[in-house]
mmCIF file of all heavy atoms, coordinates in Angstrom:
data_MODEL
# 
_entry.id   MODEL 
# 
loop_
_atom_site.group_PDB 
_atom_site.id 
_atom_site.type_symbol 
_atom_site.label_atom_id 
_atom_site.label_alt_id 
_atom_site.label_comp_id 
_atom_site.label_asym_id 
_atom_site.label_entity_id 
_atom_site.label_seq_id 
_atom_site.pdbx_PDB_ins_code 
_atom_site.Cartn_x 
_atom_site.Cartn_y 
_atom_site.Cartn_z 
_atom_site.occupancy 
_atom_site.B_iso_or_equiv 
_atom_site.pdbx_formal_charge 
_atom_site.auth_seq_id 
_atom_site.auth_comp_id 
_atom_site.auth_asym_id 
_atom_site.auth_atom_id 
_atom_site.pdbx_PDB_model_num 
ATOM 1   N N   . GLY A 1 1  ? 146.807 153.023 75.075 1.00 0.00 ? 1  GLY A N   1 
ATOM 2   C CA  . GLY A 1 1  ? 147.731 152.040 75.619 1.00 0.00 ? 1  GLY A CA  1 
ATOM 3   C C   . GLY A 1 1  ? 147.027 151.046 76.522 1.00 0.00 ? 1  GLY A C   1 
ATOM 4   O O   . GLY A 1 1  ? 146.167 151.431 77.319 1.00 0.00 ? 1  GLY A O   1 
ATOM 5   N N   . CYS A 1 2  ? 147.392 149.767 76.385 1.00 0.00 ? 2  CYS A N   1 
ATOM 6   C CA  . CYS A 1 2  ? 146.768 148.717 77.181 1.00 0.00 ? 2  CYS A CA  1 
ATOM 7   C C   . CYS A 1 2  ? 147.518 148.530 78.500 1.00 0.00 ? 2  CYS A C   1 
ATOM 8   O O   . CYS A 1 2  ? 148.520 149.194 78.771 1.00 0.00 ? 2  CYS A O   1 
ATOM 9   C CB  . CYS A 1 2  ? 146.741 147.404 76.399 1.00 0.00 ? 2  CYS A CB  1 
ATOM 10  S SG  . CYS A 1 2  ? 148.397 146.754 76.043 1.00 0.00 ? 2  CYS A SG  1 
ATOM 11  N N   . TYR A 1 3  ? 147.045 147.606 79.308 1.00 0.00 ? 3  TYR A N   1 
ATOM 12  C CA  . TYR A 1 3  ? 147.651 147.342 80.621 1.00 0.00 ? 3  TYR A CA  1 
ATOM 13  C C   . TYR A 1 3  ? 149.116 146.955 80.479 1.00 0.00 ? 3  TYR A C   1 
ATOM 14  O O   . TYR A 1 3  ? 149.962 147.429 81.240 1.00 0.00 ? 3  TYR A O   1 
ATOM 15  C CB  . TYR A 1 3  ? 146.869 146.228 81.324 1.00 0.00 ? 3  TYR A CB  1 
ATOM 16  C CG  . TYR A 1 3  ? 147.606 145.636 82.499 1.00 0.00 ? 3  TYR A CG  1 
ATOM 17  C CD1 . TYR A 1 3  ? 147.616 146.287 83.739 1.00 0.00 ? 3  TYR A CD1 1 
ATOM 18  C CD2 . TYR A 1 3  ? 148.327 144.449 82.370 1.00 0.00 ? 3  TYR A CD2 1 
ATOM 19  C CE1 . TYR A 1 3  ? 148.309 145.763 84.809 1.00 0.00 ? 3  TYR A CE1 1 
ATOM 20  C CE2 . TYR A 1 3  ? 149.018 143.922 83.447 1.00 0.00 ? 3  TYR A CE2 1 
ATOM 21  C CZ  . TYR A 1 3  ? 149.013 144.582 84.660 1.00 0.00 ? 3  TYR A CZ  1 
ATOM 22  O OH  . TYR A 1 3  ? 149.713 144.053 85.710 1.00 0.00 ? 3  TYR A OH  1 
ATOM 23  N N   . PHE A 1 4  ? 149.430 146.089 79.511 1.00 0.00 ? 4  PHE A N   1 
ATOM 24  C CA  . PHE A 1 4  ? 150.795 145.604 79.370 1.00 0.00 ? 4  PHE A CA  1 
ATOM 25  C C   . PHE A 1 4  ? 151.746 146.746 79.037 1.00 0.00 ? 4  PHE A C   1 
ATOM 26  O O   . PHE A 1 4  ? 152.884 146.774 79.506 1.00 0.00 ? 4  PHE A O   1 
ATOM 27  C CB  . PHE A 1 4  ? 150.869 144.522 78.292 1.00 0.00 ? 4  PHE A CB  1 
ATOM 28  C CG  . PHE A 1 4  ? 150.104 143.280 78.633 1.00 0.00 ? 4  PHE A CG  1 
ATOM 29  C CD1 . PHE A 1 4  ? 148.850 143.062 78.109 1.00 0.00 ? 4  PHE A CD1 1 
ATOM 30  C CD2 . PHE A 1 4  ? 150.635 142.343 79.495 1.00 0.00 ? 4  PHE A CD2 1 
ATOM 31  C CE1 . PHE A 1 4  ? 148.125 141.929 78.430 1.00 0.00 ? 4  PHE A CE1 1 
ATOM 32  C CE2 . PHE A 1 4  ? 149.928 141.202 79.833 1.00 0.00 ? 4  PHE A CE2 1 
ATOM 33  C CZ  . PHE A 1 4  ? 148.665 140.992 79.292 1.00 0.00 ? 4  PHE A CZ  1 
ATOM 34  N N   . PHE A 1 5  ? 151.275 147.711 78.231 1.00 0.00 ? 5  PHE A N   1 
ATOM 35  C CA  . PHE A 1 5  ? 152.132 148.847 77.883 1.00 0.00 ? 5  PHE A CA  1 
ATOM 36  C C   . PHE A 1 5  ? 152.433 149.692 79.116 1.00 0.00 ? 5  PHE A C   1 
ATOM 37  O O   . PHE A 1 5  ? 153.593 150.006 79.407 1.00 0.00 ? 5  PHE A O   1 
ATOM 38  C CB  . PHE A 1 5  ? 151.466 149.703 76.809 1.00 0.00 ? 5  PHE A CB  1 
ATOM 39  C CG  . PHE A 1 5  ? 152.195 150.990 76.545 1.00 0.00 ? 5  PHE A CG  1 
ATOM 40  C CD1 . PHE A 1 5  ? 153.310 151.006 75.729 1.00 0.00 ? 5  PHE A CD1 1 
ATOM 41  C CD2 . PHE A 1 5  ? 151.780 152.176 77.131 1.00 0.00 ? 5  PHE A CD2 1 
ATOM 42  C CE1 . PHE A 1 5  ? 154.006 152.191 75.498 1.00 0.00 ? 5  PHE A CE1 1 
ATOM 43  C CE2 . PHE A 1 5  ? 152.461 153.361 76.915 1.00 0.00 ? 5  PHE A CE2 1 
ATOM 44  C CZ  . PHE A 1 5  ? 153.577 153.361 76.086 1.00 0.00 ? 5  PHE A CZ  1 
ATOM 45  N N   . TRP A 1 6  ? 151.386 150.056 79.857 1.00 0.00 ? 6  TRP A N   1 
ATOM 46  C CA  . TRP A 1 6  ? 151.595 150.937 81.009 1.00 0.00 ? 6  TRP A CA  1 
ATOM 47  C C   . TRP A 1 6  ? 152.363 150.236 82.119 1.00 0.00 ? 6  TRP A C   1 
ATOM 48  O O   . TRP A 1 6  ? 153.151 150.861 82.834 1.00 0.00 ? 6  TRP A O   1 
ATOM 49  C CB  . TRP A 1 6  ? 150.247 151.456 81.527 1.00 0.00 ? 6  TRP A CB  1 
ATOM 50  C CG  . TRP A 1 6  ? 149.584 152.374 80.558 1.00 0.00 ? 6  TRP A CG  1 
ATOM 51  C CD1 . TRP A 1 6  ? 148.455 152.159 79.835 1.00 0.00 ? 6  TRP A CD1 1 
ATOM 52  C CD2 . TRP A 1 6  ? 150.056 153.673 80.170 1.00 0.00 ? 6  TRP A CD2 1 
ATOM 53  N NE1 . TRP A 1 6  ? 148.183 153.234 79.034 1.00 0.00 ? 6  TRP A NE1 1 
ATOM 54  C CE2 . TRP A 1 6  ? 149.140 154.173 79.217 1.00 0.00 ? 6  TRP A CE2 1 
ATOM 55  C CE3 . TRP A 1 6  ? 151.138 154.458 80.538 1.00 0.00 ? 6  TRP A CE3 1 
ATOM 56  C CZ2 . TRP A 1 6  ? 149.300 155.426 78.624 1.00 0.00 ? 6  TRP A CZ2 1 
ATOM 57  C CZ3 . TRP A 1 6  ? 151.307 155.704 79.953 1.00 0.00 ? 6  TRP A CZ3 1 
ATOM 58  C CH2 . TRP A 1 6  ? 150.390 156.174 79.008 1.00 0.00 ? 6  TRP A CH2 1 
ATOM 59  N N   . ASN A 1 7  ? 152.148 148.949 82.268 1.00 0.00 ? 7  ASN A N   1 
ATOM 60  C CA  . ASN A 1 7  ? 152.918 148.209 83.250 1.00 0.00 ? 7  ASN A CA  1 
ATOM 61  C C   . ASN A 1 7  ? 154.401 148.193 82.874 1.00 0.00 ? 7  ASN A C   1 
ATOM 62  O O   . ASN A 1 7  ? 155.272 148.263 83.751 1.00 0.00 ? 7  ASN A O   1 
ATOM 63  C CB  . ASN A 1 7  ? 152.401 146.773 83.363 1.00 0.00 ? 7  ASN A CB  1 
ATOM 64  C CG  . ASN A 1 7  ? 153.131 145.984 84.435 1.00 0.00 ? 7  ASN A CG  1 
ATOM 65  O OD1 . ASN A 1 7  ? 153.083 146.302 85.612 1.00 0.00 ? 7  ASN A OD1 1 
ATOM 66  N ND2 . ASN A 1 7  ? 153.820 144.932 84.014 1.00 0.00 ? 7  ASN A ND2 1 
ATOM 67  N N   . HIS A 1 8  ? 154.687 148.127 81.579 1.00 0.00 ? 8  HIS A N   1 
ATOM 68  C CA  . HIS A 1 8  ? 156.085 148.124 81.139 1.00 0.00 ? 8  HIS A CA  1 
ATOM 69  C C   . HIS A 1 8  ? 156.754 149.466 81.420 1.00 0.00 ? 8  HIS A C   1 
ATOM 70  O O   . HIS A 1 8  ? 157.852 149.515 81.985 1.00 0.00 ? 8  HIS A O   1 
ATOM 71  C CB  . HIS A 1 8  ? 156.168 147.805 79.649 1.00 0.00 ? 8  HIS A CB  1 
ATOM 72  C CG  . HIS A 1 8  ? 157.541 147.997 79.085 1.00 0.00 ? 8  HIS A CG  1 
ATOM 73  N ND1 . HIS A 1 8  ? 158.553 147.082 79.257 1.00 0.00 ? 8  HIS A ND1 1 
ATOM 74  C CD2 . HIS A 1 8  ? 158.085 149.032 78.384 1.00 0.00 ? 8  HIS A CD2 1 
ATOM 75  C CE1 . HIS A 1 8  ? 159.653 147.525 78.683 1.00 0.00 ? 8  HIS A CE1 1 
ATOM 76  N NE2 . HIS A 1 8  ? 159.392 148.708 78.146 1.00 0.00 ? 8  HIS A NE2 1 
ATOM 77  N N   . VAL A 1 9  ? 156.114 150.566 81.022 1.00 0.00 ? 9  VAL A N   1 
ATOM 78  C CA  . VAL A 1 9  ? 156.774 151.869 81.168 1.00 0.00 ? 9  VAL A CA  1 
ATOM 79  C C   . VAL A 1 9  ? 156.897 152.284 82.629 1.00 0.00 ? 9  VAL A C   1 
ATOM 80  O O   . VAL A 1 9  ? 157.715 153.151 82.963 1.00 0.00 ? 9  VAL A O   1 
ATOM 81  C CB  . VAL A 1 9  ? 156.044 152.957 80.341 1.00 0.00 ? 9  VAL A CB  1 
ATOM 82  C CG1 . VAL A 1 9  ? 156.134 152.648 78.865 1.00 0.00 ? 9  VAL A CG1 1 
ATOM 83  C CG2 . VAL A 1 9  ? 154.595 153.095 80.789 1.00 0.00 ? 9  VAL A CG2 1 
ATOM 84  N N   . LEU A 1 10 ? 156.097 151.683 83.521 1.00 0.00 ? 10 LEU A N   1 
ATOM 85  C CA  . LEU A 1 10 ? 156.279 151.960 84.947 1.00 0.00 ? 10 LEU A CA  1 
ATOM 86  C C   . LEU A 1 10 ? 157.611 151.419 85.454 1.00 0.00 ? 10 LEU A C   1 
ATOM 87  O O   . LEU A 1 10 ? 158.077 151.799 86.525 1.00 0.00 ? 10 LEU A O   1 
ATOM 88  C CB  . LEU A 1 10 ? 155.133 151.354 85.761 1.00 0.00 ? 10 LEU A CB  1 
ATOM 89  C CG  . LEU A 1 10 ? 153.840 152.161 85.819 1.00 0.00 ? 10 LEU A CG  1 
ATOM 90  C CD1 . LEU A 1 10 ? 152.773 151.390 86.576 1.00 0.00 ? 10 LEU A CD1 1 
ATOM 91  C CD2 . LEU A 1 10 ? 154.073 153.527 86.453 1.00 0.00 ? 10 LEU A CD2 1 
ATOM 92  N N   . HIS A 1 11 ? 158.209 150.528 84.682 1.00 0.00 ? 11 HIS A N   1 
ATOM 93  C CA  . HIS A 1 11 ? 159.524 149.980 85.038 1.00 0.00 ? 11 HIS A CA  1 
ATOM 94  C C   . HIS A 1 11 ? 160.657 150.693 84.297 1.00 0.00 ? 11 HIS A C   1 
ATOM 95  O O   . HIS A 1 11 ? 161.771 150.175 84.231 1.00 0.00 ? 11 HIS A O   1 
ATOM 96  C CB  . HIS A 1 11 ? 159.573 148.479 84.739 1.00 0.00 ? 11 HIS A CB  1 
ATOM 97  C CG  . HIS A 1 11 ? 158.753 147.651 85.672 1.00 0.00 ? 11 HIS A CG  1 
ATOM 98  N ND1 . HIS A 1 11 ? 157.384 147.542 85.558 1.00 0.00 ? 11 HIS A ND1 1 
ATOM 99  C CD2 . HIS A 1 11 ? 159.102 146.914 86.755 1.00 0.00 ? 11 HIS A CD2 1 
ATOM 100 C CE1 . HIS A 1 11 ? 156.925 146.754 86.523 1.00 0.00 ? 11 HIS A CE1 1 
ATOM 101 N NE2 . HIS A 1 11 ? 157.941 146.361 87.253 1.00 0.00 ? 11 HIS A NE2 1 
ATOM 102 N N   . ARG A 1 12 ? 160.381 151.858 83.730 1.00 0.00 ? 12 ARG A N   1 
ATOM 103 C CA  . ARG A 1 12 ? 161.409 152.640 83.040 1.00 0.00 ? 12 ARG A CA  1 
ATOM 104 C C   . ARG A 1 12 ? 161.543 154.018 83.679 1.00 0.00 ? 12 ARG A C   1 
ATOM 105 O O   . ARG A 1 12 ? 160.586 154.567 84.227 1.00 0.00 ? 12 ARG A O   1 
ATOM 106 C CB  . ARG A 1 12 ? 161.067 152.803 81.552 1.00 0.00 ? 12 ARG A CB  1 
ATOM 107 C CG  . ARG A 1 12 ? 161.351 151.567 80.711 1.00 0.00 ? 12 ARG A CG  1 
ATOM 108 C CD  . ARG A 1 12 ? 161.124 151.847 79.235 1.00 0.00 ? 12 ARG A CD  1 
ATOM 109 N NE  . ARG A 1 12 ? 161.451 150.693 78.408 1.00 0.00 ? 12 ARG A NE  1 
ATOM 110 C CZ  . ARG A 1 12 ? 162.643 150.464 77.879 1.00 0.00 ? 12 ARG A CZ  1 
ATOM 111 N NH1 . ARG A 1 12 ? 163.622 151.326 78.082 1.00 0.00 ? 12 ARG A NH1 1 
ATOM 112 N NH2 . ARG A 1 12 ? 162.865 149.395 77.151 1.00 0.00 ? 12 ARG A NH2 1 
ATOM 113 N N   . ARG A 1 13 ? 162.739 154.573 83.558 1.00 0.00 ? 13 ARG A N   1 
ATOM 114 C CA  . ARG A 1 13 ? 162.997 155.916 84.059 1.00 0.00 ? 13 ARG A CA  1 
ATOM 115 C C   . ARG A 1 13 ? 162.403 156.945 83.090 1.00 0.00 ? 13 ARG A C   1 
ATOM 116 O O   . ARG A 1 13 ? 162.556 156.821 81.875 1.00 0.00 ? 13 ARG A O   1 
ATOM 117 C CB  . ARG A 1 13 ? 164.494 156.155 84.202 1.00 0.00 ? 13 ARG A CB  1 
ATOM 118 C CG  . ARG A 1 13 ? 164.841 157.465 84.914 1.00 0.00 ? 13 ARG A CG  1 
ATOM 119 C CD  . ARG A 1 13 ? 166.341 157.627 85.066 1.00 0.00 ? 13 ARG A CD  1 
ATOM 120 N NE  . ARG A 1 13 ? 166.948 156.466 85.703 1.00 0.00 ? 13 ARG A NE  1 
ATOM 121 C CZ  . ARG A 1 13 ? 166.955 156.275 87.024 1.00 0.00 ? 13 ARG A CZ  1 
ATOM 122 N NH1 . ARG A 1 13 ? 166.359 157.147 87.822 1.00 0.00 ? 13 ARG A NH1 1 
ATOM 123 N NH2 . ARG A 1 13 ? 167.542 155.203 87.528 1.00 0.00 ? 13 ARG A NH2 1 
ATOM 124 N N   . VAL A 1 14 ? 161.716 157.928 83.620 1.00 0.00 ? 14 VAL A N   1 
ATOM 125 C CA  . VAL A 1 14 ? 161.125 158.986 82.799 1.00 0.00 ? 14 VAL A CA  1 
ATOM 126 C C   . VAL A 1 14 ? 162.179 160.054 82.542 1.00 0.00 ? 14 VAL A C   1 
ATOM 127 O O   . VAL A 1 14 ? 162.725 160.647 83.483 1.00 0.00 ? 14 VAL A O   1 
ATOM 128 C CB  . VAL A 1 14 ? 159.890 159.605 83.484 1.00 0.00 ? 14 VAL A CB  1 
ATOM 129 C CG1 . VAL A 1 14 ? 159.332 160.741 82.640 1.00 0.00 ? 14 VAL A CG1 1 
ATOM 130 C CG2 . VAL A 1 14 ? 158.824 158.542 83.722 1.00 0.00 ? 14 VAL A CG2 1 
ATOM 131 N N   . LEU A 1 15 ? 162.459 160.311 81.273 1.00 0.00 ? 15 LEU A N   1 
ATOM 132 C CA  . LEU A 1 15 ? 163.473 161.302 80.905 1.00 0.00 ? 15 LEU A CA  1 
ATOM 133 C C   . LEU A 1 15 ? 162.872 162.665 80.582 1.00 0.00 ? 15 LEU A C   1 
ATOM 134 O O   . LEU A 1 15 ? 163.469 163.688 80.876 1.00 0.00 ? 15 LEU A O   1 
ATOM 135 C CB  . LEU A 1 15 ? 164.289 160.788 79.706 1.00 0.00 ? 15 LEU A CB  1 
ATOM 136 C CG  . LEU A 1 15 ? 165.008 159.451 79.901 1.00 0.00 ? 15 LEU A CG  1 
ATOM 137 C CD1 . LEU A 1 15 ? 165.783 159.089 78.643 1.00 0.00 ? 15 LEU A CD1 1 
ATOM 138 C CD2 . LEU A 1 15 ? 165.947 159.503 81.108 1.00 0.00 ? 15 LEU A CD2 1 
ATOM 139 N N   . ARG A 1 16 ? 161.692 162.663 79.967 1.00 0.00 ? 16 ARG A N   1 
ATOM 140 C CA  . ARG A 1 16 ? 161.086 163.943 79.570 1.00 0.00 ? 16 ARG A CA  1 
ATOM 141 C C   . ARG A 1 16 ? 159.588 163.765 79.399 1.00 0.00 ? 16 ARG A C   1 
ATOM 142 O O   . ARG A 1 16 ? 159.134 162.730 78.903 1.00 0.00 ? 16 ARG A O   1 
ATOM 143 C CB  . ARG A 1 16 ? 161.715 164.441 78.260 1.00 0.00 ? 16 ARG A CB  1 
ATOM 144 C CG  . ARG A 1 16 ? 161.346 165.857 77.886 1.00 0.00 ? 16 ARG A CG  1 
ATOM 145 C CD  . ARG A 1 16 ? 161.945 166.870 78.855 1.00 0.00 ? 16 ARG A CD  1 
ATOM 146 N NE  . ARG A 1 16 ? 161.455 168.202 78.629 1.00 0.00 ? 16 ARG A NE  1 
ATOM 147 C CZ  . ARG A 1 16 ? 161.969 169.062 77.757 1.00 0.00 ? 16 ARG A CZ  1 
ATOM 148 N NH1 . ARG A 1 16 ? 163.026 168.683 77.026 1.00 0.00 ? 16 ARG A NH1 1 
ATOM 149 N NH2 . ARG A 1 16 ? 161.486 170.268 77.609 1.00 0.00 ? 16 ARG A NH2 1 
ATOM 150 N N   . VAL A 1 17 ? 158.827 164.756 79.809 1.00 0.00 ? 17 VAL A N   1 
ATOM 151 C CA  . VAL A 1 17 ? 157.369 164.736 79.674 1.00 0.00 ? 17 VAL A CA  1 
ATOM 152 C C   . VAL A 1 17 ? 156.903 166.078 79.128 1.00 0.00 ? 17 VAL A C   1 
ATOM 153 O O   . VAL A 1 17 ? 157.282 167.134 79.638 1.00 0.00 ? 17 VAL A O   1 
ATOM 154 C CB  . VAL A 1 17 ? 156.676 164.480 81.030 1.00 0.00 ? 17 VAL A CB  1 
ATOM 155 C CG1 . VAL A 1 17 ? 155.157 164.515 80.852 1.00 0.00 ? 17 VAL A CG1 1 
ATOM 156 C CG2 . VAL A 1 17 ? 157.112 163.151 81.615 1.00 0.00 ? 17 VAL A CG2 1 
ATOM 157 N N   . LEU A 1 18 ? 156.095 166.018 78.077 1.00 0.00 ? 18 LEU A N   1 
ATOM 158 C CA  . LEU A 1 18 ? 155.409 167.206 77.566 1.00 0.00 ? 18 LEU A CA  1 
ATOM 159 C C   . LEU A 1 18 ? 153.912 166.896 77.608 1.00 0.00 ? 18 LEU A C   1 
ATOM 160 O O   . LEU A 1 18 ? 153.395 166.187 76.743 1.00 0.00 ? 18 LEU A O   1 
ATOM 161 C CB  . LEU A 1 18 ? 155.848 167.534 76.138 1.00 0.00 ? 18 LEU A CB  1 
ATOM 162 C CG  . LEU A 1 18 ? 157.150 168.303 75.961 1.00 0.00 ? 18 LEU A CG  1 
ATOM 163 C CD1 . LEU A 1 18 ? 157.412 168.597 74.497 1.00 0.00 ? 18 LEU A CD1 1 
ATOM 164 C CD2 . LEU A 1 18 ? 157.124 169.613 76.744 1.00 0.00 ? 18 LEU A CD2 1 
ATOM 165 N N   . PRO A 1 19 ? 153.218 167.383 78.629 1.00 0.00 ? 19 PRO A N   1 
ATOM 166 C CA  . PRO A 1 19 ? 151.794 167.052 78.750 1.00 0.00 ? 19 PRO A CA  1 
ATOM 167 C C   . PRO A 1 19 ? 150.949 167.731 77.680 1.00 0.00 ? 19 PRO A C   1 
ATOM 168 O O   . PRO A 1 19 ? 151.384 168.683 77.029 1.00 0.00 ? 19 PRO A O   1 
ATOM 169 C CB  . PRO A 1 19 ? 151.437 167.566 80.149 1.00 0.00 ? 19 PRO A CB  1 
ATOM 170 C CG  . PRO A 1 19 ? 152.437 168.642 80.431 1.00 0.00 ? 19 PRO A CG  1 
ATOM 171 C CD  . PRO A 1 19 ? 153.698 168.229 79.738 1.00 0.00 ? 19 PRO A CD  1 
ATOM 172 N N   . ALA A 1 20 ? 149.745 167.224 77.527 1.00 0.00 ? 20 ALA A N   1 
ATOM 173 C CA  . ALA A 1 20 ? 148.816 167.779 76.540 1.00 0.00 ? 20 ALA A CA  1 
ATOM 174 C C   . ALA A 1 20 ? 148.455 169.217 76.893 1.00 0.00 ? 20 ALA A C   1 
ATOM 175 O O   . ALA A 1 20 ? 148.474 169.628 78.052 1.00 0.00 ? 20 ALA A O   1 
ATOM 176 C CB  . ALA A 1 20 ? 147.559 166.914 76.476 1.00 0.00 ? 20 ALA A CB  1 
ATOM 177 N N   . THR A 1 21 ? 148.136 169.982 75.871 1.00 0.00 ? 21 THR A N   1 
ATOM 178 C CA  . THR A 1 21 ? 147.695 171.372 76.026 1.00 0.00 ? 21 THR A CA  1 
ATOM 179 C C   . THR A 1 21 ? 146.358 171.528 75.313 1.00 0.00 ? 21 THR A C   1 
ATOM 180 O O   . THR A 1 21 ? 145.972 170.668 74.514 1.00 0.00 ? 21 THR A O   1 
ATOM 181 C CB  . THR A 1 21 ? 148.723 172.341 75.419 1.00 0.00 ? 21 THR A CB  1 
ATOM 182 O OG1 . THR A 1 21 ? 148.822 172.100 73.999 1.00 0.00 ? 21 THR A OG1 1 
ATOM 183 C CG2 . THR A 1 21 ? 150.096 172.149 76.061 1.00 0.00 ? 21 THR A CG2 1 
ATOM 184 N N   . PRO A 1 22 ? 145.623 172.616 75.576 1.00 0.00 ? 22 PRO A N   1 
ATOM 185 C CA  . PRO A 1 22 ? 144.351 172.808 74.866 1.00 0.00 ? 22 PRO A CA  1 
ATOM 186 C C   . PRO A 1 22 ? 144.510 172.829 73.348 1.00 0.00 ? 22 PRO A C   1 
ATOM 187 O O   . PRO A 1 22 ? 143.591 172.422 72.629 1.00 0.00 ? 22 PRO A O   1 
ATOM 188 C CB  . PRO A 1 22 ? 143.871 174.173 75.399 1.00 0.00 ? 22 PRO A CB  1 
ATOM 189 C CG  . PRO A 1 22 ? 144.502 174.288 76.753 1.00 0.00 ? 22 PRO A CG  1 
ATOM 190 C CD  . PRO A 1 22 ? 145.839 173.633 76.617 1.00 0.00 ? 22 PRO A CD  1 
ATOM 191 N N   . ASP A 1 23 ? 145.657 173.276 72.866 1.00 0.00 ? 23 ASP A N   1 
ATOM 192 C CA  . ASP A 1 23 ? 145.882 173.325 71.421 1.00 0.00 ? 23 ASP A CA  1 
ATOM 193 C C   . ASP A 1 23 ? 146.383 171.998 70.857 1.00 0.00 ? 23 ASP A C   1 
ATOM 194 O O   . ASP A 1 23 ? 146.285 171.768 69.642 1.00 0.00 ? 23 ASP A O   1 
ATOM 195 C CB  . ASP A 1 23 ? 146.897 174.426 71.081 1.00 0.00 ? 23 ASP A CB  1 
ATOM 196 C CG  . ASP A 1 23 ? 146.389 175.809 71.467 1.00 0.00 ? 23 ASP A CG  1 
ATOM 197 O OD1 . ASP A 1 23 ? 145.161 176.003 71.443 1.00 0.00 ? 23 ASP A OD1 1 
ATOM 198 O OD2 . ASP A 1 23 ? 147.214 176.667 71.797 1.00 0.00 ? 23 ASP A OD2 1 
ATOM 199 N N   . HIS A 1 24 ? 146.931 171.151 71.717 1.00 0.00 ? 24 HIS A N   1 
ATOM 200 C CA  . HIS A 1 24 ? 147.498 169.880 71.252 1.00 0.00 ? 24 HIS A CA  1 
ATOM 201 C C   . HIS A 1 24 ? 147.285 168.829 72.340 1.00 0.00 ? 24 HIS A C   1 
ATOM 202 O O   . HIS A 1 24 ? 148.091 168.693 73.245 1.00 0.00 ? 24 HIS A O   1 
ATOM 203 C CB  . HIS A 1 24 ? 148.990 170.037 70.949 1.00 0.00 ? 24 HIS A CB  1 
ATOM 204 C CG  . HIS A 1 24 ? 149.558 168.890 70.172 1.00 0.00 ? 24 HIS A CG  1 
ATOM 205 N ND1 . HIS A 1 24 ? 149.411 168.753 68.816 1.00 0.00 ? 24 HIS A ND1 1 
ATOM 206 C CD2 . HIS A 1 24 ? 150.280 167.809 70.568 1.00 0.00 ? 24 HIS A CD2 1 
ATOM 207 C CE1 . HIS A 1 24 ? 150.014 167.655 68.398 1.00 0.00 ? 24 HIS A CE1 1 
ATOM 208 N NE2 . HIS A 1 24 ? 150.542 167.058 69.445 1.00 0.00 ? 24 HIS A NE2 1 
# 
């Protein structure tokens, strides 16, 4: 993701996060 993408999502509410795991 580029700067414009991350800057955009910082202006959105986070509903769900599944962080990376060693298997995925």
